[in-house]
Amino acid sequence: MKAVSARRTFHVWATALMACWMMLLAGCSGGADMQDLRAFMDEVAAAPHGSIAPLPEFKPYEPFKYGAANLRSPFQAPVVVPERADEPAPGSIQPPSNHVKSYLEGFNLASLQLVGSLKLRGQYYGLIRDEEGTIHQVGVDQYIGTQWGKIEKIEEDRLEIVEIVSNGGGGWLLRPRTVELVGSAKE
């Protein structure tokens, strides 16, 4: 009896399993419901394919060379050279050729500072501090700075200097400069 019962159970299970397989296969079969999807896919496949545009041509980098490094800074006021009545003829201005250079002629005038003055026997002498912090005593007719700056006048709070600078055309011109006492800037 157990063998018959086991066979019947097997038959029931086999029939149920077969019915499940049939339903699955019936659900996967193609029908009229899929015709519109197949028509769309055929239409897309038949459409002409687009082409990809070629990449743009690569232009190599061209470096830029800055050529205004030697020009005056636009953030500094231009040097105004006032005309002098005793101005020599343009061709007669020349840097001194036979004088022995002083120690202070090795420094740029902008790096030198007037830190004081002395009045001895009615004449003023300037006290100049160089880049290294050393104090030097200077008098009228001495040269300072790299542009043949000759001290023309010394007052209590300033030095008046005339430099000989290139005019850019092969000649020379006189440029007056003033070095004021450190801390005495007029506002």
N, C-alpha and C. Protein backbone atom coordinates (compact mmCIF):
# COMPACT_ATOMS: atom_id res chain seq x y z
N MET A 1 0.80 -1.16 0.00
CA MET A 1 0.00 0.00 0.00
C MET A 1 0.86 1.26 0.00
N LYS A 2 1.95 1.13 0.65
CA LYS A 2 2.86 2.26 0.69
C LYS A 2 3.43 2.51 -0.70
N ALA A 3 3.65 1.50 -1.50
CA ALA A 3 4.22 1.66 -2.82
C ALA A 3 3.22 2.35 -3.74
N VAL A 4 1.95 2.03 -3.61
CA VAL A 4 0.92 2.64 -4.43
C VAL A 4 0.77 4.09 -4.04
N SER A 5 0.81 4.35 -2.79
CA SER A 5 0.67 5.71 -2.27
C SER A 5 1.87 6.56 -2.71
N ALA A 6 3.04 6.02 -2.74
CA ALA A 6 4.22 6.76 -3.15
C ALA A 6 4.16 7.03 -4.64
N ARG A 7 3.61 6.05 -5.41
CA ARG A 7 3.50 6.25 -6.83
C ARG A 7 2.48 7.32 -7.15
N ARG A 8 1.39 7.33 -6.41
CA ARG A 8 0.37 8.33 -6.61
C ARG A 8 0.92 9.72 -6.26
N THR A 9 1.66 9.80 -5.22
CA THR A 9 2.24 11.08 -4.81
C THR A 9 3.22 11.55 -5.89
N PHE A 10 3.98 10.63 -6.42
CA PHE A 10 4.93 10.99 -7.46
C PHE A 10 4.19 11.48 -8.69
N HIS A 11 3.08 10.83 -9.04
CA HIS A 11 2.29 11.23 -10.19
C HIS A 11 1.70 12.62 -9.99
N VAL A 12 1.27 12.88 -8.80
CA VAL A 12 0.68 14.19 -8.51
C VAL A 12 1.77 15.28 -8.65
N TRP A 13 2.89 14.96 -8.10
CA TRP A 13 3.99 15.95 -8.17
C TRP A 13 4.48 16.11 -9.60
N ALA A 14 4.56 15.08 -10.33
CA ALA A 14 5.03 15.15 -11.72
C ALA A 14 4.03 15.91 -12.57
N THR A 15 2.73 15.68 -12.35
CA THR A 15 1.71 16.38 -13.11
C THR A 15 1.75 17.87 -12.77
N ALA A 16 1.91 18.20 -11.51
CA ALA A 16 1.97 19.62 -11.09
C ALA A 16 3.20 20.30 -11.69
N LEU A 17 4.30 19.61 -11.70
CA LEU A 17 5.52 20.17 -12.25
C LEU A 17 5.37 20.38 -13.76
N MET A 18 4.74 19.44 -14.44
CA MET A 18 4.53 19.54 -15.86
C MET A 18 3.59 20.71 -16.18
N ALA A 19 2.58 20.91 -15.37
CA ALA A 19 1.64 22.00 -15.58
C ALA A 19 2.36 23.35 -15.42
N CYS A 20 3.25 23.44 -14.45
CA CYS A 20 4.03 24.69 -14.24
C CYS A 20 4.90 24.98 -15.45
N TRP A 21 5.55 23.94 -15.97
CA TRP A 21 6.40 24.13 -17.13
C TRP A 21 5.59 24.57 -18.34
N MET A 22 4.41 24.06 -18.49
CA MET A 22 3.56 24.42 -19.62
C MET A 22 3.11 25.87 -19.52
N MET A 23 2.80 26.30 -18.31
CA MET A 23 2.38 27.70 -18.14
C MET A 23 3.55 28.65 -18.41
N LEU A 24 4.73 28.26 -17.97
CA LEU A 24 5.90 29.11 -18.22
C LEU A 24 6.19 29.20 -19.71
N LEU A 25 6.11 28.08 -20.40
CA LEU A 25 6.36 28.09 -21.83
C LEU A 25 5.28 28.87 -22.58
N ALA A 26 4.06 28.81 -22.12
CA ALA A 26 2.98 29.55 -22.77
C ALA A 26 3.17 31.05 -22.57
N GLY A 27 3.70 31.46 -21.40
CA GLY A 27 3.93 32.89 -21.14
C GLY A 27 5.09 33.44 -21.97
N CYS A 28 6.06 32.62 -22.31
CA CYS A 28 7.23 33.09 -23.06
C CYS A 28 7.00 33.03 -24.56
N SER A 29 5.96 32.37 -25.02
CA SER A 29 5.76 32.25 -26.46
C SER A 29 5.36 33.60 -27.03
N GLY A 30 5.77 33.84 -28.28
CA GLY A 30 5.44 35.09 -28.94
C GLY A 30 4.00 35.09 -29.36
N GLY A 31 3.42 36.28 -29.22
CA GLY A 31 2.03 36.40 -29.62
C GLY A 31 1.84 37.72 -30.32
N ALA A 32 0.63 38.12 -30.52
CA ALA A 32 0.30 39.37 -31.18
C ALA A 32 0.65 40.57 -30.32
N ASP A 33 0.80 40.35 -29.02
CA ASP A 33 1.11 41.46 -28.11
C ASP A 33 2.50 42.04 -28.41
N MET A 34 3.39 41.27 -28.99
CA MET A 34 4.77 41.70 -29.20
C MET A 34 5.00 42.25 -30.60
N GLN A 35 4.01 42.25 -31.45
CA GLN A 35 4.19 42.68 -32.82
C GLN A 35 4.60 44.16 -32.90
N ASP A 36 4.01 45.03 -32.10
CA ASP A 36 4.37 46.45 -32.16
C ASP A 36 5.81 46.69 -31.72
N LEU A 37 6.28 45.92 -30.72
CA LEU A 37 7.66 46.05 -30.26
C LEU A 37 8.63 45.59 -31.34
N ARG A 38 8.29 44.47 -31.99
CA ARG A 38 9.16 43.96 -33.06
C ARG A 38 9.19 44.95 -34.24
N ALA A 39 8.05 45.56 -34.56
CA ALA A 39 8.02 46.53 -35.66
C ALA A 39 8.89 47.75 -35.35
N PHE A 40 8.86 48.23 -34.10
CA PHE A 40 9.69 49.38 -33.70
C PHE A 40 11.18 49.03 -33.79
N MET A 41 11.53 47.84 -33.31
CA MET A 41 12.94 47.43 -33.35
C MET A 41 13.43 47.31 -34.80
N ASP A 42 12.56 46.77 -35.70
CA ASP A 42 12.94 46.66 -37.11
C ASP A 42 13.11 48.05 -37.74
N GLU A 43 12.25 49.00 -37.35
CA GLU A 43 12.32 50.37 -37.87
C GLU A 43 13.62 51.06 -37.43
N VAL A 44 13.98 50.91 -36.17
CA VAL A 44 15.22 51.52 -35.66
C VAL A 44 16.44 50.90 -36.33
N ALA A 45 16.41 49.59 -36.52
CA ALA A 45 17.54 48.91 -37.16
C ALA A 45 17.68 49.32 -38.62
N ALA A 46 16.57 49.64 -39.29
CA ALA A 46 16.62 50.01 -40.70
C ALA A 46 16.99 51.47 -40.91
N ALA A 47 16.88 52.31 -39.89
CA ALA A 47 17.18 53.74 -40.02
C ALA A 47 18.67 53.93 -40.31
N PRO A 48 19.03 54.99 -41.09
CA PRO A 48 20.46 55.22 -41.38
C PRO A 48 21.20 55.64 -40.10
N HIS A 49 22.41 55.16 -39.99
CA HIS A 49 23.22 55.46 -38.81
C HIS A 49 23.97 56.78 -39.02
N GLY A 50 24.09 57.61 -37.95
CA GLY A 50 24.82 58.88 -38.02
C GLY A 50 26.32 58.66 -38.02
N SER A 51 27.04 59.68 -38.39
CA SER A 51 28.50 59.58 -38.38
C SER A 51 29.05 60.51 -37.30
N ILE A 52 30.17 60.15 -36.75
CA ILE A 52 30.81 60.93 -35.69
C ILE A 52 31.75 61.93 -36.36
N ALA A 53 31.63 63.20 -35.94
CA ALA A 53 32.48 64.25 -36.51
C ALA A 53 33.93 64.02 -36.10
N PRO A 54 34.88 64.34 -36.98
CA PRO A 54 36.29 64.16 -36.61
C PRO A 54 36.68 65.16 -35.51
N LEU A 55 37.69 64.80 -34.74
CA LEU A 55 38.18 65.67 -33.69
C LEU A 55 38.79 66.92 -34.30
N PRO A 56 38.67 68.07 -33.61
CA PRO A 56 39.29 69.29 -34.15
C PRO A 56 40.81 69.16 -34.16
N GLU A 57 41.44 69.88 -35.07
CA GLU A 57 42.89 69.81 -35.19
C GLU A 57 43.54 70.48 -33.98
N PHE A 58 44.53 69.83 -33.41
CA PHE A 58 45.24 70.34 -32.23
C PHE A 58 46.27 71.38 -32.65
N LYS A 59 46.21 72.56 -32.02
CA LYS A 59 47.20 73.60 -32.29
C LYS A 59 48.21 73.60 -31.15
N PRO A 60 49.48 73.47 -31.44
CA PRO A 60 50.47 73.43 -30.35
C PRO A 60 50.55 74.78 -29.63
N TYR A 61 50.95 74.73 -28.38
CA TYR A 61 51.08 75.92 -27.53
C TYR A 61 52.23 76.78 -28.02
N GLU A 62 51.97 78.08 -28.14
CA GLU A 62 53.02 79.01 -28.53
C GLU A 62 53.33 79.88 -27.31
N PRO A 63 54.53 79.80 -26.75
CA PRO A 63 54.85 80.60 -25.57
C PRO A 63 54.89 82.09 -25.90
N PHE A 64 54.54 82.90 -24.91
CA PHE A 64 54.53 84.35 -25.06
C PHE A 64 55.75 84.91 -24.36
N LYS A 65 56.50 85.74 -25.06
CA LYS A 65 57.68 86.36 -24.46
C LYS A 65 57.33 87.79 -24.10
N TYR A 66 57.43 88.11 -22.79
CA TYR A 66 57.12 89.44 -22.31
C TYR A 66 58.26 90.38 -22.66
N GLY A 67 57.98 91.42 -23.43
CA GLY A 67 59.04 92.29 -23.91
C GLY A 67 59.09 93.64 -23.23
N ALA A 68 58.28 93.88 -22.21
CA ALA A 68 58.25 95.20 -21.58
C ALA A 68 58.95 95.21 -20.23
N ALA A 69 59.82 94.24 -19.98
CA ALA A 69 60.47 94.16 -18.68
C ALA A 69 61.39 95.35 -18.42
N ASN A 70 61.95 95.95 -19.46
CA ASN A 70 62.89 97.06 -19.28
C ASN A 70 62.21 98.42 -19.32
N LEU A 71 60.90 98.45 -19.50
CA LEU A 71 60.19 99.72 -19.55
C LEU A 71 59.81 100.18 -18.15
N ARG A 72 59.42 101.45 -18.05
CA ARG A 72 59.01 102.01 -16.77
C ARG A 72 57.72 101.34 -16.31
N SER A 73 57.62 101.10 -15.01
CA SER A 73 56.41 100.50 -14.45
C SER A 73 55.24 101.47 -14.60
N PRO A 74 54.07 101.00 -15.01
CA PRO A 74 52.92 101.91 -15.16
C PRO A 74 52.38 102.37 -13.81
N PHE A 75 52.86 101.79 -12.72
CA PHE A 75 52.39 102.16 -11.40
C PHE A 75 53.28 103.21 -10.73
N GLN A 76 54.33 103.63 -11.41
CA GLN A 76 55.19 104.69 -10.89
C GLN A 76 55.00 105.93 -11.77
N ALA A 77 55.05 107.07 -11.12
CA ALA A 77 54.89 108.32 -11.86
C ALA A 77 56.09 108.51 -12.79
N PRO A 78 55.85 109.03 -13.99
CA PRO A 78 56.98 109.25 -14.89
C PRO A 78 57.91 110.33 -14.34
N VAL A 79 59.19 110.18 -14.66
CA VAL A 79 60.18 111.15 -14.20
C VAL A 79 60.03 112.40 -15.05
N VAL A 80 59.79 113.51 -14.40
CA VAL A 80 59.67 114.79 -15.10
C VAL A 80 61.01 115.51 -14.95
N VAL A 81 61.64 115.77 -16.06
CA VAL A 81 62.93 116.44 -16.05
C VAL A 81 62.69 117.91 -16.37
N PRO A 82 62.78 118.78 -15.36
CA PRO A 82 62.55 120.20 -15.64
C PRO A 82 63.71 120.77 -16.45
N GLU A 83 63.39 121.71 -17.29
CA GLU A 83 64.41 122.35 -18.11
C GLU A 83 65.19 123.32 -17.24
N ARG A 84 66.48 123.31 -17.42
CA ARG A 84 67.35 124.20 -16.65
C ARG A 84 67.90 125.27 -17.58
N ALA A 85 68.03 126.46 -17.04
CA ALA A 85 68.55 127.57 -17.84
C ALA A 85 70.03 127.35 -18.19
N ASP A 86 70.76 126.72 -17.27
CA ASP A 86 72.18 126.50 -17.51
C ASP A 86 72.45 125.13 -18.14
N GLU A 87 71.46 124.58 -18.82
CA GLU A 87 71.57 123.26 -19.44
C GLU A 87 72.60 123.30 -20.57
N PRO A 88 73.56 122.38 -20.56
CA PRO A 88 74.54 122.35 -21.65
C PRO A 88 73.91 121.80 -22.93
N ALA A 89 74.58 122.00 -24.03
CA ALA A 89 74.10 121.50 -25.32
C ALA A 89 73.98 119.98 -25.27
N PRO A 90 72.98 119.39 -25.95
CA PRO A 90 72.75 117.95 -25.85
C PRO A 90 73.96 117.09 -26.17
N GLY A 91 74.76 117.41 -27.11
CA GLY A 91 75.91 116.58 -27.46
C GLY A 91 77.08 116.73 -26.51
N SER A 92 77.08 117.77 -25.67
CA SER A 92 78.22 118.01 -24.79
C SER A 92 78.12 117.27 -23.46
N ILE A 93 77.00 116.65 -23.18
CA ILE A 93 76.85 115.92 -21.91
C ILE A 93 77.50 114.55 -22.06
N GLN A 94 78.41 114.24 -21.18
CA GLN A 94 79.12 112.96 -21.18
C GLN A 94 79.34 112.54 -19.73
N PRO A 95 79.32 111.24 -19.46
CA PRO A 95 79.69 110.77 -18.11
C PRO A 95 81.16 111.07 -17.86
N PRO A 96 81.52 111.33 -16.63
CA PRO A 96 82.93 111.58 -16.33
C PRO A 96 83.76 110.33 -16.64
N SER A 97 84.87 110.53 -17.30
CA SER A 97 85.65 109.36 -17.73
C SER A 97 86.89 109.14 -16.87
N ASN A 98 87.43 110.17 -16.26
CA ASN A 98 88.71 110.02 -15.56
C ASN A 98 88.61 110.04 -14.05
N HIS A 99 87.42 110.09 -13.49
CA HIS A 99 87.37 110.15 -12.03
C HIS A 99 87.40 108.74 -11.43
N VAL A 100 87.95 108.65 -10.23
CA VAL A 100 88.01 107.37 -9.54
C VAL A 100 86.66 107.14 -8.86
N LYS A 101 86.06 105.98 -9.13
CA LYS A 101 84.73 105.70 -8.57
C LYS A 101 84.81 105.54 -7.07
N SER A 102 83.82 106.13 -6.39
CA SER A 102 83.74 105.99 -4.93
C SER A 102 82.96 104.73 -4.59
N TYR A 103 83.00 104.35 -3.34
CA TYR A 103 82.31 103.15 -2.87
C TYR A 103 80.80 103.25 -3.11
N LEU A 104 80.21 104.41 -2.91
CA LEU A 104 78.76 104.58 -3.04
C LEU A 104 78.29 104.57 -4.49
N GLU A 105 79.21 104.60 -5.45
CA GLU A 105 78.82 104.51 -6.85
C GLU A 105 78.52 103.06 -7.26
N GLY A 106 78.75 102.14 -6.37
CA GLY A 106 78.43 100.74 -6.62
C GLY A 106 77.00 100.38 -6.25
N PHE A 107 76.24 101.32 -5.68
CA PHE A 107 74.87 101.05 -5.25
C PHE A 107 73.88 101.83 -6.11
N ASN A 108 72.72 101.23 -6.33
CA ASN A 108 71.63 101.92 -7.00
C ASN A 108 71.17 103.05 -6.08
N LEU A 109 70.85 104.21 -6.65
CA LEU A 109 70.46 105.37 -5.85
C LEU A 109 69.21 105.08 -5.01
N ALA A 110 68.31 104.25 -5.52
CA ALA A 110 67.08 103.92 -4.79
C ALA A 110 67.38 103.12 -3.53
N SER A 111 68.52 102.45 -3.45
CA SER A 111 68.84 101.65 -2.27
C SER A 111 69.59 102.45 -1.21
N LEU A 112 69.98 103.68 -1.51
CA LEU A 112 70.69 104.52 -0.54
C LEU A 112 69.68 105.41 0.19
N GLN A 113 69.89 105.62 1.48
CA GLN A 113 68.98 106.42 2.29
C GLN A 113 69.74 107.53 3.00
N LEU A 114 69.16 108.72 3.00
CA LEU A 114 69.72 109.82 3.78
C LEU A 114 69.17 109.67 5.19
N VAL A 115 70.06 109.43 6.16
CA VAL A 115 69.62 109.19 7.54
C VAL A 115 69.95 110.36 8.47
N GLY A 116 70.64 111.36 7.96
CA GLY A 116 70.96 112.51 8.79
C GLY A 116 71.87 113.47 8.04
N SER A 117 72.18 114.59 8.71
CA SER A 117 73.08 115.57 8.11
C SER A 117 73.90 116.22 9.23
N LEU A 118 75.07 116.72 8.85
CA LEU A 118 75.97 117.42 9.77
C LEU A 118 76.25 118.80 9.20
N LYS A 119 76.34 119.78 10.08
CA LYS A 119 76.71 121.11 9.63
C LYS A 119 78.04 121.45 10.29
N LEU A 120 79.09 121.50 9.45
CA LEU A 120 80.43 121.80 9.93
C LEU A 120 80.95 123.04 9.22
N ARG A 121 81.35 124.07 9.98
CA ARG A 121 81.88 125.32 9.44
C ARG A 121 80.94 125.92 8.40
N GLY A 122 79.64 125.87 8.69
CA GLY A 122 78.64 126.49 7.82
C GLY A 122 78.26 125.69 6.59
N GLN A 123 78.76 124.48 6.45
CA GLN A 123 78.46 123.65 5.28
C GLN A 123 77.85 122.33 5.74
N TYR A 124 76.81 121.88 5.02
CA TYR A 124 76.15 120.62 5.36
C TYR A 124 76.85 119.44 4.70
N TYR A 125 76.86 118.31 5.41
CA TYR A 125 77.32 117.03 4.91
C TYR A 125 76.20 116.02 5.15
N GLY A 126 76.00 115.13 4.20
CA GLY A 126 74.94 114.13 4.34
C GLY A 126 75.48 112.84 4.92
N LEU A 127 74.60 112.14 5.66
CA LEU A 127 74.92 110.82 6.19
C LEU A 127 74.05 109.82 5.43
N ILE A 128 74.69 108.96 4.65
CA ILE A 128 74.01 108.01 3.77
C ILE A 128 74.18 106.60 4.30
N ARG A 129 73.06 105.85 4.36
CA ARG A 129 73.12 104.43 4.74
C ARG A 129 73.00 103.60 3.46
N ASP A 130 73.95 102.66 3.28
CA ASP A 130 73.92 101.80 2.10
C ASP A 130 73.08 100.55 2.38
N GLU A 131 73.01 99.65 1.41
CA GLU A 131 72.21 98.42 1.54
C GLU A 131 72.68 97.54 2.69
N GLU A 132 73.95 97.61 3.01
CA GLU A 132 74.51 96.76 4.05
C GLU A 132 74.38 97.36 5.44
N GLY A 133 73.83 98.58 5.53
CA GLY A 133 73.61 99.22 6.83
C GLY A 133 74.75 100.12 7.29
N THR A 134 75.78 100.29 6.47
CA THR A 134 76.92 101.13 6.82
C THR A 134 76.58 102.59 6.52
N ILE A 135 76.98 103.50 7.43
CA ILE A 135 76.72 104.93 7.27
C ILE A 135 77.98 105.58 6.66
N HIS A 136 77.77 106.41 5.62
CA HIS A 136 78.86 107.10 4.95
C HIS A 136 78.59 108.61 4.97
N GLN A 137 79.65 109.40 5.10
CA GLN A 137 79.53 110.86 5.06
C GLN A 137 79.82 111.31 3.63
N VAL A 138 78.94 112.16 3.07
CA VAL A 138 79.12 112.66 1.71
C VAL A 138 79.06 114.18 1.72
N GLY A 139 79.72 114.75 0.72
CA GLY A 139 79.73 116.21 0.58
C GLY A 139 79.37 116.63 -0.84
N VAL A 140 79.30 117.94 -1.06
CA VAL A 140 78.98 118.48 -2.38
C VAL A 140 80.08 118.08 -3.36
N ASP A 141 79.70 117.84 -4.61
CA ASP A 141 80.56 117.44 -5.72
C ASP A 141 81.05 116.00 -5.63
N GLN A 142 80.54 115.19 -4.72
CA GLN A 142 80.86 113.77 -4.70
C GLN A 142 79.85 113.02 -5.56
N TYR A 143 80.25 111.85 -6.05
CA TYR A 143 79.37 111.03 -6.88
C TYR A 143 78.80 109.88 -6.05
N ILE A 144 77.50 109.58 -6.25
CA ILE A 144 76.87 108.42 -5.63
C ILE A 144 75.89 107.81 -6.64
N GLY A 145 75.61 106.54 -6.50
CA GLY A 145 74.67 105.85 -7.39
C GLY A 145 75.35 105.36 -8.64
N THR A 146 74.66 104.51 -9.38
CA THR A 146 75.24 103.88 -10.56
C THR A 146 75.12 104.73 -11.82
N GLN A 147 74.43 105.87 -11.75
CA GLN A 147 74.21 106.71 -12.94
C GLN A 147 74.99 108.03 -12.85
N TRP A 148 76.17 108.00 -12.31
CA TRP A 148 77.04 109.18 -12.17
C TRP A 148 76.28 110.32 -11.50
N GLY A 149 75.63 110.02 -10.37
CA GLY A 149 74.87 111.04 -9.64
C GLY A 149 75.81 111.94 -8.85
N LYS A 150 75.89 113.22 -9.23
CA LYS A 150 76.77 114.17 -8.58
C LYS A 150 75.95 115.01 -7.61
N ILE A 151 76.40 115.07 -6.37
CA ILE A 151 75.69 115.85 -5.34
C ILE A 151 75.95 117.33 -5.60
N GLU A 152 74.89 118.08 -5.86
CA GLU A 152 75.02 119.51 -6.14
C GLU A 152 74.72 120.37 -4.92
N LYS A 153 73.82 119.90 -4.05
CA LYS A 153 73.42 120.72 -2.91
C LYS A 153 73.00 119.79 -1.77
N ILE A 154 73.40 120.12 -0.56
CA ILE A 154 73.00 119.37 0.62
C ILE A 154 72.29 120.33 1.57
N GLU A 155 71.10 119.97 1.97
CA GLU A 155 70.35 120.73 2.96
C GLU A 155 70.14 119.84 4.17
N GLU A 156 69.51 120.38 5.18
CA GLU A 156 69.33 119.64 6.43
C GLU A 156 68.54 118.35 6.22
N ASP A 157 67.56 118.36 5.31
CA ASP A 157 66.70 117.19 5.16
C ASP A 157 66.68 116.60 3.74
N ARG A 158 67.64 117.00 2.88
CA ARG A 158 67.64 116.45 1.51
C ARG A 158 68.98 116.65 0.83
N LEU A 159 69.21 115.78 -0.17
CA LEU A 159 70.34 115.91 -1.08
C LEU A 159 69.77 116.18 -2.46
N GLU A 160 70.34 117.13 -3.17
CA GLU A 160 69.94 117.36 -4.55
C GLU A 160 71.06 116.84 -5.43
N ILE A 161 70.70 115.93 -6.31
CA ILE A 161 71.67 115.20 -7.12
C ILE A 161 71.29 115.37 -8.59
N VAL A 162 72.30 115.40 -9.47
CA VAL A 162 72.06 115.40 -10.91
C VAL A 162 72.75 114.17 -11.47
N GLU A 163 71.95 113.28 -12.09
CA GLU A 163 72.49 112.06 -12.69
C GLU A 163 72.67 112.27 -14.19
N ILE A 164 73.61 111.52 -14.76
CA ILE A 164 73.80 111.52 -16.21
C ILE A 164 73.28 110.18 -16.71
N VAL A 165 72.17 110.21 -17.46
CA VAL A 165 71.52 108.98 -17.91
C VAL A 165 71.45 108.96 -19.44
N SER A 166 71.34 107.77 -19.98
CA SER A 166 71.24 107.61 -21.42
C SER A 166 69.88 108.11 -21.90
N ASN A 167 69.87 108.77 -23.05
CA ASN A 167 68.60 109.25 -23.60
C ASN A 167 67.96 108.22 -24.52
N GLY A 168 68.59 107.06 -24.69
CA GLY A 168 68.05 105.99 -25.52
C GLY A 168 68.43 106.12 -26.98
N GLY A 169 69.05 107.21 -27.36
CA GLY A 169 69.44 107.40 -28.76
C GLY A 169 70.94 107.53 -28.93
N GLY A 170 71.70 107.07 -27.99
CA GLY A 170 73.15 107.15 -28.09
C GLY A 170 73.74 108.37 -27.41
N GLY A 171 72.89 109.25 -26.90
CA GLY A 171 73.37 110.45 -26.21
C GLY A 171 73.09 110.36 -24.72
N TRP A 172 73.31 111.48 -24.04
CA TRP A 172 73.15 111.53 -22.59
C TRP A 172 72.33 112.75 -22.23
N LEU A 173 71.65 112.68 -21.08
CA LEU A 173 70.93 113.84 -20.57
C LEU A 173 71.06 113.90 -19.06
N LEU A 174 70.84 115.09 -18.52
CA LEU A 174 70.93 115.29 -17.07
C LEU A 174 69.56 115.06 -16.45
N ARG A 175 69.54 114.32 -15.34
CA ARG A 175 68.29 114.05 -14.64
C ARG A 175 68.47 114.43 -13.17
N PRO A 176 67.76 115.48 -12.71
CA PRO A 176 67.87 115.85 -11.30
C PRO A 176 67.09 114.86 -10.43
N ARG A 177 67.65 114.54 -9.28
CA ARG A 177 67.01 113.64 -8.31
C ARG A 177 67.15 114.26 -6.94
N THR A 178 66.24 113.90 -6.06
CA THR A 178 66.30 114.36 -4.67
C THR A 178 66.23 113.16 -3.76
N VAL A 179 67.12 113.08 -2.80
CA VAL A 179 67.08 112.05 -1.77
C VAL A 179 66.70 112.76 -0.48
N GLU A 180 65.52 112.39 0.04
CA GLU A 180 65.04 113.04 1.26
C GLU A 180 65.42 112.25 2.49
N LEU A 181 65.47 112.95 3.61
CA LEU A 181 65.78 112.35 4.89
C LEU A 181 64.74 111.27 5.21
N VAL A 182 65.19 110.12 5.67
CA VAL A 182 64.28 109.01 6.00
C VAL A 182 63.31 109.48 7.08
N GLY A 183 62.01 109.31 6.84
CA GLY A 183 61.00 109.68 7.83
C GLY A 183 60.53 111.11 7.72
N SER A 184 61.02 111.87 6.74
CA SER A 184 60.61 113.27 6.62
C SER A 184 59.75 113.49 5.37
N ALA A 185 59.10 112.43 4.88
CA ALA A 185 58.27 112.57 3.66
C ALA A 185 57.16 113.56 3.91
N LYS A 186 57.03 114.51 3.01
CA LYS A 186 56.00 115.55 3.14
C LYS A 186 54.67 114.99 2.68
N GLU A 187 53.64 115.19 3.49
CA GLU A 187 52.33 114.64 3.14
C GLU A 187 51.36 115.76 2.91
